[in-house]
PDB file of all heavy atoms in Angstrom:
ATOM      1  N   THR A   1     -25.076   6.464 -56.637  1.00  0.00           N
ATOM      2  CA  THR A   1     -23.987   7.421 -56.809  1.00  0.00           C
ATOM      3  C   THR A   1     -24.445   8.838 -56.490  1.00  0.00           C
ATOM      4  O   THR A   1     -23.687   9.629 -55.920  1.00  0.00           O
ATOM      5  CB  THR A   1     -23.415   7.365 -58.231  1.00  0.00           C
ATOM      6  OG1 THR A   1     -24.473   7.553 -59.192  1.00  0.00           O
ATOM      7  CG2 THR A   1     -22.738   6.022 -58.504  1.00  0.00           C
ATOM      8  N   SER A   2     -25.688   9.174 -56.833  1.00  0.00           N
ATOM      9  CA  SER A   2     -26.209  10.502 -56.519  1.00  0.00           C
ATOM     10  C   SER A   2     -26.251  10.728 -55.013  1.00  0.00           C
ATOM     11  O   SER A   2     -25.837  11.785 -54.507  1.00  0.00           O
ATOM     12  CB  SER A   2     -27.604  10.675 -57.125  1.00  0.00           C
ATOM     13  OG  SER A   2     -28.128  11.957 -56.821  1.00  0.00           O
ATOM     14  N   TYR A   3     -26.728   9.731 -54.278  1.00  0.00           N
ATOM     15  CA  TYR A   3     -26.800   9.844 -52.823  1.00  0.00           C
ATOM     16  C   TYR A   3     -25.413  10.014 -52.215  1.00  0.00           C
ATOM     17  O   TYR A   3     -25.178  10.901 -51.383  1.00  0.00           O
ATOM     18  CB  TYR A   3     -27.476   8.605 -52.226  1.00  0.00           C
ATOM     19  CG  TYR A   3     -27.343   8.527 -50.722  1.00  0.00           C
ATOM     20  CD1 TYR A   3     -28.136   9.313 -49.887  1.00  0.00           C
ATOM     21  CD2 TYR A   3     -26.405   7.677 -50.136  1.00  0.00           C
ATOM     22  CE1 TYR A   3     -28.000   9.249 -48.499  1.00  0.00           C
ATOM     23  CE2 TYR A   3     -26.258   7.610 -48.756  1.00  0.00           C
ATOM     24  CZ  TYR A   3     -27.052   8.398 -47.946  1.00  0.00           C
ATOM     25  OH  TYR A   3     -26.906   8.352 -46.584  1.00  0.00           O
ATOM     26  N   HIS A   4     -24.472   9.177 -52.631  1.00  0.00           N
ATOM     27  CA  HIS A   4     -23.143   9.228 -52.034  1.00  0.00           C
ATOM     28  C   HIS A   4     -22.383  10.483 -52.459  1.00  0.00           C
ATOM     29  O   HIS A   4     -21.541  10.987 -51.693  1.00  0.00           O
ATOM     30  CB  HIS A   4     -22.367   7.965 -52.382  1.00  0.00           C
ATOM     31  CG  HIS A   4     -22.846   6.757 -51.643  1.00  0.00           C
ATOM     32  ND1 HIS A   4     -22.736   6.630 -50.275  1.00  0.00           N
ATOM     33  CD2 HIS A   4     -23.469   5.622 -52.082  1.00  0.00           C
ATOM     34  CE1 HIS A   4     -23.251   5.468 -49.888  1.00  0.00           C
ATOM     35  NE2 HIS A   4     -23.696   4.838 -50.968  1.00  0.00           N
ATOM     36  N   LEU A   5     -22.650  11.013 -53.646  1.00  0.00           N
ATOM     37  CA  LEU A   5     -22.045  12.283 -54.043  1.00  0.00           C
ATOM     38  C   LEU A   5     -22.507  13.406 -53.113  1.00  0.00           C
ATOM     39  O   LEU A   5     -21.706  14.261 -52.707  1.00  0.00           O
ATOM     40  CB  LEU A   5     -22.402  12.621 -55.491  1.00  0.00           C
ATOM     41  CG  LEU A   5     -21.582  11.924 -56.566  1.00  0.00           C
ATOM     42  CD1 LEU A   5     -22.225  12.114 -57.939  1.00  0.00           C
ATOM     43  CD2 LEU A   5     -20.145  12.461 -56.583  1.00  0.00           C
ATOM     44  N   ARG A   6     -23.785  13.400 -52.774  1.00  0.00           N
ATOM     45  CA  ARG A   6     -24.288  14.438 -51.858  1.00  0.00           C
ATOM     46  C   ARG A   6     -23.636  14.318 -50.494  1.00  0.00           C
ATOM     47  O   ARG A   6     -23.324  15.330 -49.848  1.00  0.00           O
ATOM     48  CB  ARG A   6     -25.815  14.344 -51.746  1.00  0.00           C
ATOM     49  CG  ARG A   6     -26.561  14.720 -53.027  1.00  0.00           C
ATOM     50  CD  ARG A   6     -28.040  14.957 -52.765  1.00  0.00           C
ATOM     51  NE  ARG A   6     -28.718  13.784 -52.232  1.00  0.00           N
ATOM     52  CZ  ARG A   6     -29.275  12.842 -52.978  1.00  0.00           C
ATOM     53  NH1 ARG A   6     -29.211  12.929 -54.309  1.00  0.00           N
ATOM     54  NH2 ARG A   6     -29.893  11.801 -52.424  1.00  0.00           N
ATOM     55  N   GLN A   7     -23.410  13.085 -50.039  1.00  0.00           N
ATOM     56  CA  GLN A   7     -22.752  12.896 -48.750  1.00  0.00           C
ATOM     57  C   GLN A   7     -21.291  13.351 -48.807  1.00  0.00           C
ATOM     58  O   GLN A   7     -20.786  13.985 -47.873  1.00  0.00           O
ATOM     59  CB  GLN A   7     -22.827  11.424 -48.334  1.00  0.00           C
ATOM     60  CG  GLN A   7     -24.236  10.923 -48.080  1.00  0.00           C
ATOM     61  CD  GLN A   7     -24.960  11.741 -47.027  1.00  0.00           C
ATOM     62  OE1 GLN A   7     -24.456  11.936 -45.921  1.00  0.00           O
ATOM     63  NE2 GLN A   7     -26.140  12.240 -47.361  1.00  0.00           N
ATOM     64  N   LEU A   8     -20.621  13.049 -49.890  1.00  0.00           N
ATOM     65  CA  LEU A   8     -19.239  13.512 -50.063  1.00  0.00           C
ATOM     66  C   LEU A   8     -19.174  15.035 -50.121  1.00  0.00           C
ATOM     67  O   LEU A   8     -18.263  15.656 -49.559  1.00  0.00           O
ATOM     68  CB  LEU A   8     -18.630  12.904 -51.328  1.00  0.00           C
ATOM     69  CG  LEU A   8     -18.295  11.412 -51.279  1.00  0.00           C
ATOM     70  CD1 LEU A   8     -17.934  10.901 -52.673  1.00  0.00           C
ATOM     71  CD2 LEU A   8     -17.152  11.144 -50.301  1.00  0.00           C
ATOM     72  N   ALA A   9     -20.164  15.640 -50.791  1.00  0.00           N
ATOM     73  CA  ALA A   9     -20.199  17.095 -50.885  1.00  0.00           C
ATOM     74  C   ALA A   9     -20.439  17.732 -49.521  1.00  0.00           C
ATOM     75  O   ALA A   9     -19.857  18.773 -49.184  1.00  0.00           O
ATOM     76  CB  ALA A   9     -21.279  17.529 -51.871  1.00  0.00           C
ATOM     77  N   ALA A  10     -21.291  17.108 -48.719  1.00  0.00           N
ATOM     78  CA  ALA A  10     -21.602  17.645 -47.388  1.00  0.00           C
ATOM     79  C   ALA A  10     -20.366  17.687 -46.494  1.00  0.00           C
ATOM     80  O   ALA A  10     -20.307  18.491 -45.555  1.00  0.00           O
ATOM     81  CB  ALA A  10     -22.692  16.806 -46.727  1.00  0.00           C
ATOM     82  N   HIS A  11     -19.388  16.849 -46.799  1.00  0.00           N
ATOM     83  CA  HIS A  11     -18.168  16.813 -45.990  1.00  0.00           C
ATOM     84  C   HIS A  11     -16.962  17.382 -46.735  1.00  0.00           C
ATOM     85  O   HIS A  11     -15.811  17.194 -46.317  1.00  0.00           O
ATOM     86  CB  HIS A  11     -17.891  15.376 -45.536  1.00  0.00           C
ATOM     87  CG  HIS A  11     -18.886  14.878 -44.536  1.00  0.00           C
ATOM     88  ND1 HIS A  11     -20.096  14.316 -44.914  1.00  0.00           N
ATOM     89  CD2 HIS A  11     -18.871  14.878 -43.175  1.00  0.00           C
ATOM     90  CE1 HIS A  11     -20.771  13.985 -43.823  1.00  0.00           C
ATOM     91  NE2 HIS A  11     -20.068  14.308 -42.768  1.00  0.00           N
ATOM     92  N   GLY A  12     -17.212  18.064 -47.845  1.00  0.00           N
ATOM     93  CA  GLY A  12     -16.159  18.806 -48.521  1.00  0.00           C
ATOM     94  C   GLY A  12     -15.204  18.019 -49.388  1.00  0.00           C
ATOM     95  O   GLY A  12     -14.139  18.512 -49.747  1.00  0.00           O
ATOM     96  N   PHE A  13     -15.578  16.793 -49.766  1.00  0.00           N
ATOM     97  CA  PHE A  13     -14.709  16.002 -50.628  1.00  0.00           C
ATOM     98  C   PHE A  13     -14.945  16.288 -52.115  1.00  0.00           C
ATOM     99  O   PHE A  13     -14.033  16.151 -52.932  1.00  0.00           O
ATOM    100  CB  PHE A  13     -14.910  14.506 -50.372  1.00  0.00           C
ATOM    101  CG  PHE A  13     -14.351  14.047 -49.062  1.00  0.00           C
ATOM    102  CD1 PHE A  13     -15.187  13.788 -47.980  1.00  0.00           C
ATOM    103  CD2 PHE A  13     -12.985  13.876 -48.891  1.00  0.00           C
ATOM    104  CE1 PHE A  13     -14.682  13.367 -46.761  1.00  0.00           C
ATOM    105  CE2 PHE A  13     -12.458  13.451 -47.676  1.00  0.00           C
ATOM    106  CZ  PHE A  13     -13.315  13.207 -46.606  1.00  0.00           C
ATOM    107  N   VAL A  14     -16.167  16.627 -52.473  1.00  0.00           N
ATOM    108  CA  VAL A  14     -16.499  16.948 -53.859  1.00  0.00           C
ATOM    109  C   VAL A  14     -17.302  18.238 -53.878  1.00  0.00           C
ATOM    110  O   VAL A  14     -17.833  18.679 -52.861  1.00  0.00           O
ATOM    111  CB  VAL A  14     -17.293  15.810 -54.552  1.00  0.00           C
ATOM    112  CG1 VAL A  14     -16.525  14.501 -54.489  1.00  0.00           C
ATOM    113  CG2 VAL A  14     -18.679  15.662 -53.936  1.00  0.00           C
ATOM    114  N   GLU A  15     -17.394  18.830 -55.065  1.00  0.00           N
ATOM    115  CA  GLU A  15     -18.152  20.068 -55.228  1.00  0.00           C
ATOM    116  C   GLU A  15     -18.717  20.146 -56.640  1.00  0.00           C
ATOM    117  O   GLU A  15     -18.307  19.394 -57.532  1.00  0.00           O
ATOM    118  CB  GLU A  15     -17.259  21.273 -54.965  1.00  0.00           C
ATOM    119  CG  GLU A  15     -16.039  21.339 -55.861  1.00  0.00           C
ATOM    120  CD  GLU A  15     -15.022  22.366 -55.395  1.00  0.00           C
ATOM    121  OE1 GLU A  15     -14.389  22.143 -54.336  1.00  0.00           O
ATOM    122  OE2 GLU A  15     -14.879  23.398 -56.107  1.00  0.00           O
ATOM    123  N   ASP A  16     -19.661  21.056 -56.816  1.00  0.00           N
ATOM    124  CA  ASP A  16     -20.266  21.250 -58.128  1.00  0.00           C
ATOM    125  C   ASP A  16     -19.231  21.719 -59.133  1.00  0.00           C
ATOM    126  O   ASP A  16     -18.293  22.461 -58.795  1.00  0.00           O
ATOM    127  CB  ASP A  16     -21.376  22.296 -58.051  1.00  0.00           C
ATOM    128  CG  ASP A  16     -22.692  21.713 -57.577  1.00  0.00           C
ATOM    129  OD1 ASP A  16     -23.073  20.639 -58.061  1.00  0.00           O
ATOM    130  OD2 ASP A  16     -23.331  22.345 -56.710  1.00  0.00           O
ATOM    131  N   ALA A  17     -19.439  21.325 -60.386  1.00  0.00           N
ATOM    132  CA  ALA A  17     -18.662  21.853 -61.507  1.00  0.00           C
ATOM    133  C   ALA A  17     -19.662  22.487 -62.467  1.00  0.00           C
ATOM    134  O   ALA A  17     -19.946  21.942 -63.537  1.00  0.00           O
ATOM    135  CB  ALA A  17     -17.868  20.738 -62.183  1.00  0.00           C
ATOM    136  N   PRO A  18     -20.245  23.645 -62.082  1.00  0.00           N
ATOM    137  CA  PRO A  18     -21.347  24.235 -62.851  1.00  0.00           C
ATOM    138  C   PRO A  18     -20.968  24.618 -64.272  1.00  0.00           C
ATOM    139  O   PRO A  18     -21.835  24.681 -65.157  1.00  0.00           O
ATOM    140  CB  PRO A  18     -21.725  25.477 -62.024  1.00  0.00           C
ATOM    141  CG  PRO A  18     -20.506  25.791 -61.234  1.00  0.00           C
ATOM    142  CD  PRO A  18     -19.871  24.467 -60.927  1.00  0.00           C
ATOM    143  N   GLU A  19     -19.687  24.845 -64.510  1.00  0.00           N
ATOM    144  CA  GLU A  19     -19.266  25.234 -65.854  1.00  0.00           C
ATOM    145  C   GLU A  19     -19.456  24.111 -66.867  1.00  0.00           C
ATOM    146  O   GLU A  19     -19.450  24.347 -68.085  1.00  0.00           O
ATOM    147  CB  GLU A  19     -17.791  25.669 -65.834  1.00  0.00           C
ATOM    148  CG  GLU A  19     -16.790  24.567 -65.526  1.00  0.00           C
ATOM    149  CD  GLU A  19     -16.594  24.291 -64.041  1.00  0.00           C
ATOM    150  OE1 GLU A  19     -17.366  24.851 -63.224  1.00  0.00           O
ATOM    151  OE2 GLU A  19     -15.687  23.513 -63.701  1.00  0.00           O
ATOM    152  N   LEU A  20     -19.649  22.887 -66.377  1.00  0.00           N
ATOM    153  CA  LEU A  20     -19.813  21.739 -67.271  1.00  0.00           C
ATOM    154  C   LEU A  20     -21.266  21.333 -67.446  1.00  0.00           C
ATOM    155  O   LEU A  20     -21.589  20.569 -68.353  1.00  0.00           O
ATOM    156  CB  LEU A  20     -19.021  20.541 -66.736  1.00  0.00           C
ATOM    157  CG  LEU A  20     -17.505  20.733 -66.619  1.00  0.00           C
ATOM    158  CD1 LEU A  20     -16.865  19.511 -65.975  1.00  0.00           C
ATOM    159  CD2 LEU A  20     -16.903  20.989 -67.992  1.00  0.00           C
ATOM    160  N   GLY A  21     -22.149  21.807 -66.559  1.00  0.00           N
ATOM    161  CA  GLY A  21     -23.541  21.375 -66.593  1.00  0.00           C
ATOM    162  C   GLY A  21     -24.334  21.984 -67.730  1.00  0.00           C
ATOM    163  O   GLY A  21     -24.108  23.130 -68.128  1.00  0.00           O
ATOM    164  N   LYS A  22     -25.250  21.184 -68.240  1.00  0.00           N
ATOM    165  CA  LYS A  22     -26.172  21.652 -69.287  1.00  0.00           C
ATOM    166  C   LYS A  22     -27.583  21.301 -68.848  1.00  0.00           C
ATOM    167  O   LYS A  22     -27.897  20.137 -68.605  1.00  0.00           O
ATOM    168  CB  LYS A  22     -25.849  20.990 -70.627  1.00  0.00           C
ATOM    169  CG  LYS A  22     -24.487  21.345 -71.194  1.00  0.00           C
ATOM    170  CD  LYS A  22     -24.235  20.647 -72.527  1.00  0.00           C
ATOM    171  CE  LYS A  22     -22.861  20.997 -73.080  1.00  0.00           C
ATOM    172  NZ  LYS A  22     -22.602  20.298 -74.385  1.00  0.00           N
ATOM    173  N   GLY A  23     -28.444  22.317 -68.759  1.00  0.00           N
ATOM    174  CA  GLY A  23     -29.802  22.072 -68.319  1.00  0.00           C
ATOM    175  C   GLY A  23     -29.816  21.601 -66.881  1.00  0.00           C
ATOM    176  O   GLY A  23     -29.236  22.218 -65.996  1.00  0.00           O
ATOM    177  N   ARG A  24     -30.476  20.460 -66.635  1.00  0.00           N
ATOM    178  CA  ARG A  24     -30.585  19.926 -65.277  1.00  0.00           C
ATOM    179  C   ARG A  24     -29.425  18.993 -64.927  1.00  0.00           C
ATOM    180  O   ARG A  24     -29.372  18.451 -63.830  1.00  0.00           O
ATOM    181  CB  ARG A  24     -31.909  19.179 -65.126  1.00  0.00           C
ATOM    182  CG  ARG A  24     -33.135  20.068 -65.346  1.00  0.00           C
ATOM    183  CD  ARG A  24     -34.412  19.263 -65.210  1.00  0.00           C
ATOM    184  NE  ARG A  24     -34.542  18.690 -63.874  1.00  0.00           N
ATOM    185  CZ  ARG A  24     -35.534  17.865 -63.523  1.00  0.00           C
ATOM    186  NH1 ARG A  24     -36.456  17.519 -64.418  1.00  0.00           N
ATOM    187  NH2 ARG A  24     -35.599  17.395 -62.293  1.00  0.00           N
ATOM    188  N   GLU A  25     -28.516  18.803 -65.865  1.00  0.00           N
ATOM    189  CA  GLU A  25     -27.383  17.909 -65.655  1.00  0.00           C
ATOM    190  C   GLU A  25     -26.440  18.500 -64.605  1.00  0.00           C
ATOM    191  O   GLU A  25     -26.013  19.652 -64.720  1.00  0.00           O
ATOM    192  CB  GLU A  25     -26.630  17.706 -66.973  1.00  0.00           C
ATOM    193  CG  GLU A  25     -25.628  16.584 -66.965  1.00  0.00           C
ATOM    194  CD  GLU A  25     -25.038  16.361 -68.339  1.00  0.00           C
ATOM    195  OE1 GLU A  25     -24.594  17.348 -68.957  1.00  0.00           O
ATOM    196  OE2 GLU A  25     -25.027  15.208 -68.794  1.00  0.00           O
ATOM    197  N   ARG A  26     -26.092  17.728 -63.586  1.00  0.00           N
ATOM    198  CA  ARG A  26     -25.228  18.193 -62.507  1.00  0.00           C
ATOM    199  C   ARG A  26     -23.895  17.460 -62.541  1.00  0.00           C
ATOM    200  O   ARG A  26     -23.851  16.241 -62.428  1.00  0.00           O
ATOM    201  CB  ARG A  26     -25.908  17.993 -61.155  1.00  0.00           C
ATOM    202  CG  ARG A  26     -25.175  18.650 -59.990  1.00  0.00           C
ATOM    203  CD  ARG A  26     -25.965  18.536 -58.696  1.00  0.00           C
ATOM    204  NE  ARG A  26     -25.369  19.321 -57.627  1.00  0.00           N
ATOM    205  CZ  ARG A  26     -25.846  19.402 -56.382  1.00  0.00           C
ATOM    206  NH1 ARG A  26     -26.944  18.723 -56.052  1.00  0.00           N
ATOM    207  NH2 ARG A  26     -25.248  20.147 -55.470  1.00  0.00           N
ATOM    208  N   TRP A  27     -22.827  18.236 -62.705  1.00  0.00           N
ATOM    209  CA  TRP A  27     -21.488  17.668 -62.754  1.00  0.00           C
ATOM    210  C   TRP A  27     -20.785  17.894 -61.417  1.00  0.00           C
ATOM    211  O   TRP A  27     -20.989  18.914 -60.756  1.00  0.00           O
ATOM    212  CB  TRP A  27     -20.673  18.308 -63.878  1.00  0.00           C
ATOM    213  CG  TRP A  27     -21.055  17.815 -65.239  1.00  0.00           C
ATOM    214  CD1 TRP A  27     -22.206  18.109 -65.925  1.00  0.00           C
ATOM    215  CD2 TRP A  27     -20.303  16.934 -66.064  1.00  0.00           C
ATOM    216  NE1 TRP A  27     -22.213  17.459 -67.139  1.00  0.00           N
ATOM    217  CE2 TRP A  27     -21.063  16.741 -67.254  1.00  0.00           C
ATOM    218  CE3 TRP A  27     -19.068  16.299 -65.934  1.00  0.00           C
ATOM    219  CZ2 TRP A  27     -20.612  15.930 -68.293  1.00  0.00           C
ATOM    220  CZ3 TRP A  27     -18.611  15.502 -66.961  1.00  0.00           C
ATOM    221  CH2 TRP A  27     -19.388  15.314 -68.128  1.00  0.00           C
ATOM    222  N   TRP A  28     -19.932  16.944 -61.060  1.00  0.00           N
ATOM    223  CA  TRP A  28     -19.197  17.004 -59.802  1.00  0.00           C
ATOM    224  C   TRP A  28     -17.704  16.867 -60.078  1.00  0.00           C
ATOM    225  O   TRP A  28     -17.278  16.206 -61.027  1.00  0.00           O
ATOM    226  CB  TRP A  28     -19.625  15.866 -58.881  1.00  0.00           C
ATOM    227  CG  TRP A  28     -21.065  15.872 -58.497  1.00  0.00           C
ATOM    228  CD1 TRP A  28     -22.113  15.311 -59.182  1.00  0.00           C
ATOM    229  CD2 TRP A  28     -21.644  16.481 -57.334  1.00  0.00           C
ATOM    230  NE1 TRP A  28     -23.288  15.522 -58.516  1.00  0.00           N
ATOM    231  CE2 TRP A  28     -23.037  16.244 -57.369  1.00  0.00           C
ATOM    232  CE3 TRP A  28     -21.108  17.200 -56.250  1.00  0.00           C
ATOM    233  CZ2 TRP A  28     -23.898  16.685 -56.377  1.00  0.00           C
ATOM    234  CZ3 TRP A  28     -21.961  17.650 -55.263  1.00  0.00           C
ATOM    235  CH2 TRP A  28     -23.342  17.387 -55.338  1.00  0.00           C
ATOM    236  N   LYS A  29     -16.912  17.496 -59.219  1.00  0.00           N
ATOM    237  CA  LYS A  29     -15.460  17.364 -59.305  1.00  0.00           C
ATOM    238  C   LYS A  29     -14.889  17.191 -57.901  1.00  0.00           C
ATOM    239  O   LYS A  29     -15.521  17.577 -56.905  1.00  0.00           O
ATOM    240  CB  LYS A  29     -14.831  18.593 -59.971  1.00  0.00           C
ATOM    241  CG  LYS A  29     -15.053  19.900 -59.223  1.00  0.00           C
ATOM    242  CD  LYS A  29     -14.466  21.074 -60.000  1.00  0.00           C
ATOM    243  CE  LYS A  29     -14.739  22.401 -59.279  1.00  0.00           C
ATOM    244  NZ  LYS A  29     -14.210  23.546 -60.050  1.00  0.00           N
ATOM    245  N   ALA A  30     -13.706  16.599 -57.821  1.00  0.00           N
ATOM    246  CA  ALA A  30     -13.042  16.426 -56.535  1.00  0.00           C
ATOM    247  C   ALA A  30     -12.576  17.781 -56.015  1.00  0.00           C
ATOM    248  O   ALA A  30     -12.079  18.611 -56.770  1.00  0.00           O
ATOM    249  CB  ALA A  30     -11.856  15.481 -56.680  1.00  0.00           C
ATOM    250  N   SER A  31     -12.741  18.002 -54.725  1.00  0.00           N
ATOM    251  CA  SER A  31     -12.321  19.270 -54.123  1.00  0.00           C
ATOM    252  C   SER A  31     -10.825  19.293 -53.829  1.00  0.00           C
ATOM    253  O   SER A  31     -10.229  20.369 -53.734  1.00  0.00           O
ATOM    254  CB  SER A  31     -13.099  19.519 -52.824  1.00  0.00           C
ATOM    255  OG  SER A  31     -14.486  19.610 -53.075  1.00  0.00           O
ATOM    256  N   GLN A  32     -10.233  18.113 -53.642  1.00  0.00           N
ATOM    257  CA  GLN A  32      -8.787  18.003 -53.441  1.00  0.00           C
ATOM    258  C   GLN A  32      -8.282  16.862 -54.327  1.00  0.00           C
ATOM    259  O   GLN A  32      -9.055  16.032 -54.770  1.00  0.00           O
ATOM    260  CB  GLN A  32      -8.439  17.688 -51.974  1.00  0.00           C
ATOM    261  CG  GLN A  32      -8.998  18.672 -50.947  1.00  0.00           C
ATOM    262  CD  GLN A  32     -10.387  18.290 -50.464  1.00  0.00           C
ATOM    263  OE1 GLN A  32     -10.762  17.120 -50.516  1.00  0.00           O
ATOM    264  NE2 GLN A  32     -11.163  19.268 -50.007  1.00  0.00           N
ATOM    265  N   GLN A  33      -6.987  16.848 -54.574  1.00  0.00           N
ATOM    266  CA  GLN A  33      -6.420  15.785 -55.398  1.00  0.00           C
ATOM    267  C   GLN A  33      -5.704  14.708 -54.586  1.00  0.00           C
ATOM    268  O   GLN A  33      -5.007  13.861 -55.137  1.00  0.00           O
ATOM    269  CB  GLN A  33      -5.468  16.379 -56.439  1.00  0.00           C
ATOM    270  CG  GLN A  33      -6.191  17.012 -57.620  1.00  0.00           C
ATOM    271  CD  GLN A  33      -7.096  16.024 -58.344  1.00  0.00           C
ATOM    272  OE1 GLN A  33      -6.714  14.885 -58.590  1.00  0.00           O
ATOM    273  NE2 GLN A  33      -8.298  16.455 -58.681  1.00  0.00           N
ATOM    274  N   GLY A  34      -5.862  14.738 -53.278  1.00  0.00           N
ATOM    275  CA  GLY A  34      -5.242  13.701 -52.458  1.00  0.00           C
ATOM    276  C   GLY A  34      -5.892  13.618 -51.098  1.00  0.00           C
ATOM    277  O   GLY A  34      -6.589  14.542 -50.666  1.00  0.00           O
ATOM    278  N   THR A  35      -5.679  12.496 -50.428  1.00  0.00           N
ATOM    279  CA  THR A  35      -6.192  12.268 -49.081  1.00  0.00           C
ATOM    280  C   THR A  35      -5.059  11.747 -48.210  1.00  0.00           C
ATOM    281  O   THR A  35      -4.352  10.829 -48.612  1.00  0.00           O
ATOM    282  CB  THR A  35      -7.327  11.227 -49.092  1.00  0.00           C
ATOM    283  OG1 THR A  35      -8.348  11.648 -49.990  1.00  0.00           O
ATOM    284  CG2 THR A  35      -7.915  11.065 -47.696  1.00  0.00           C
ATOM    285  N   CYS A  36      -4.896  12.332 -47.037  1.00  0.00           N
ATOM    286  CA  CYS A  36      -3.866  11.880 -46.102  1.00  0.00           C
ATOM    287  C   CYS A  36      -4.506  11.399 -44.811  1.00  0.00           C
ATOM    288  O   CYS A  36      -5.375  12.063 -44.258  1.00  0.00           O
ATOM    289  CB  CYS A  36      -2.881  13.011 -45.803  1.00  0.00           C
ATOM    290  SG  CYS A  36      -1.744  13.331 -47.152  1.00  0.00           S
ATOM    291  N   PHE A  37      -4.053  10.267 -44.363  1.00  0.00           N
ATOM    292  CA  PHE A  37      -4.575   9.624 -43.160  1.00  0.00           C
ATOM    293  C   PHE A  37      -3.687  10.011 -41.985  1.00  0.00           C
ATOM    294  O   PHE A  37      -2.497   9.714 -41.958  1.00  0.00           O
ATOM    295  CB  PHE A  37      -4.553   8.111 -43.402  1.00  0.00           C
ATOM    296  CG  PHE A  37      -5.085   7.281 -42.283  1.00  0.00           C
ATOM    297  CD1 PHE A  37      -6.370   6.771 -42.332  1.00  0.00           C
ATOM    298  CD2 PHE A  37      -4.288   6.986 -41.195  1.00  0.00           C
ATOM    299  CE1 PHE A  37      -6.848   5.974 -41.308  1.00  0.00           C
ATOM    300  CE2 PHE A  37      -4.757   6.198 -40.168  1.00  0.00           C
ATOM    301  CZ  PHE A  37      -6.047   5.686 -40.215  1.00  0.00           C
ATOM    302  N   ASP A  38      -4.241  10.691 -40.992  1.00  0.00           N
ATOM    303  CA  ASP A  38      -3.475  11.125 -39.821  1.00  0.00           C
ATOM    304  C   ASP A  38      -3.242   9.926 -38.903  1.00  0.00           C
ATOM    305  O   ASP A  38      -4.184   9.227 -38.519  1.00  0.00           O
ATOM    306  CB  ASP A  38      -4.246  12.216 -39.082  1.00  0.00           C
ATOM    307  CG  ASP A  38      -3.400  12.928 -38.035  1.00  0.00           C
ATOM    308  OD1 ASP A  38      -2.737  12.227 -37.245  1.00  0.00           O
ATOM    309  OD2 ASP A  38      -3.417  14.169 -38.003  1.00  0.00           O
ATOM    310  N   VAL A  39      -1.978   9.700 -38.524  1.00  0.00           N
ATOM    311  CA  VAL A  39      -1.646   8.534 -37.701  1.00  0.00           C
ATOM    312  C   VAL A  39      -2.362   8.550 -36.351  1.00  0.00           C
ATOM    313  O   VAL A  39      -2.548   7.495 -35.729  1.00  0.00           O
ATOM    314  CB  VAL A  39      -0.129   8.423 -37.474  1.00  0.00           C
ATOM    315  CG1 VAL A  39       0.570   8.006 -38.737  1.00  0.00           C
ATOM    316  CG2 VAL A  39       0.441   9.734 -36.942  1.00  0.00           C
ATOM    317  N   SER A  40      -2.778   9.725 -35.886  1.00  0.00           N
ATOM    318  CA  SER A  40      -3.470   9.789 -34.591  1.00  0.00           C
ATOM    319  C   SER A  40      -4.803   9.051 -34.630  1.00  0.00           C
ATOM    320  O   SER A  40      -5.336   8.663 -33.579  1.00  0.00           O
ATOM    321  CB  SER A  40      -3.699  11.247 -34.182  1.00  0.00           C
ATOM    322  OG  SER A  40      -4.601  11.897 -35.061  1.00  0.00           O
ATOM    323  N   LEU A  41      -5.348   8.818 -35.820  1.00  0.00           N
ATOM    324  CA  LEU A  41      -6.614   8.095 -35.933  1.00  0.00           C
ATOM    325  C   LEU A  41      -6.494   6.665 -35.425  1.00  0.00           C
ATOM    326  O   LEU A  41      -7.471   6.082 -34.959  1.00  0.00           O
ATOM    327  CB  LEU A  41      -7.099   8.113 -37.385  1.00  0.00           C
ATOM    328  CG  LEU A  41      -7.535   9.478 -37.929  1.00  0.00           C
ATOM    329  CD1 LEU A  41      -7.705   9.419 -39.442  1.00  0.00           C
ATOM    330  CD2 LEU A  41      -8.815   9.938 -37.260  1.00  0.00           C
ATOM    331  N   HIS A  42      -5.303   6.082 -35.521  1.00  0.00           N
ATOM    332  CA  HIS A  42      -5.106   4.721 -35.019  1.00  0.00           C
ATOM    333  C   HIS A  42      -5.343   4.642 -33.514  1.00  0.00           C
ATOM    334  O   HIS A  42      -5.706   3.591 -32.980  1.00  0.00           O
ATOM    335  CB  HIS A  42      -3.678   4.250 -35.316  1.00  0.00           C
ATOM    336  CG  HIS A  42      -3.444   3.901 -36.754  1.00  0.00           C
ATOM    337  ND1 HIS A  42      -4.137   2.912 -37.407  1.00  0.00           N
ATOM    338  CD2 HIS A  42      -2.565   4.411 -37.659  1.00  0.00           C
ATOM    339  CE1 HIS A  42      -3.703   2.817 -38.656  1.00  0.00           C
ATOM    340  NE2 HIS A  42      -2.759   3.717 -38.837  1.00  0.00           N
ATOM    341  N   LYS A  43      -5.125   5.758 -32.817  1.00  0.00           N
ATOM    342  CA  LYS A  43      -5.219   5.770 -31.355  1.00  0.00           C
ATOM    343  C   LYS A  43      -6.553   6.320 -30.859  1.00  0.00           C
ATOM    344  O   LYS A  43      -6.772   6.391 -29.653  1.00  0.00           O
ATOM    345  CB  LYS A  43      -4.081   6.617 -30.792  1.00  0.00           C
ATOM    346  CG  LYS A  43      -2.698   6.134 -31.208  1.00  0.00           C
ATOM    347  CD  LYS A  43      -1.607   7.084 -30.737  1.00  0.00           C
ATOM    348  CE  LYS A  43      -0.238   6.656 -31.224  1.00  0.00           C
ATOM    349  NZ  LYS A  43       0.826   7.605 -30.814  1.00  0.00           N
ATOM    350  N   ASN A  44      -7.429   6.704 -31.775  1.00  0.00           N
ATOM    351  CA  ASN A  44      -8.714   7.251 -31.363  1.00  0.00           C
ATOM    352  C   ASN A  44      -9.540   6.166 -30.663  1.00  0.00           C
ATOM    353  O   ASN A  44      -9.720   5.071 -31.205  1.00  0.00           O
ATOM    354  CB  ASN A  44      -9.469   7.788 -32.582  1.00  0.00           C
ATOM    355  CG  ASN A  44     -10.679   8.616 -32.200  1.00  0.00           C
ATOM    356  OD1 ASN A  44     -11.634   8.118 -31.615  1.00  0.00           O
ATOM    357  ND2 ASN A  44     -10.652   9.894 -32.545  1.00  0.00           N
TER     358      ASN A  44
END
């Protein structure tokens, strides 16, 4: 989960939630509350 969180963060899907962290504990939150699939992807 740590590895995949970093990958999601690198592409802007999740981000740090520093207000929740204590010490070395790292919290993550979703950067958006939804995902939309563009129909043009079917033709790529």
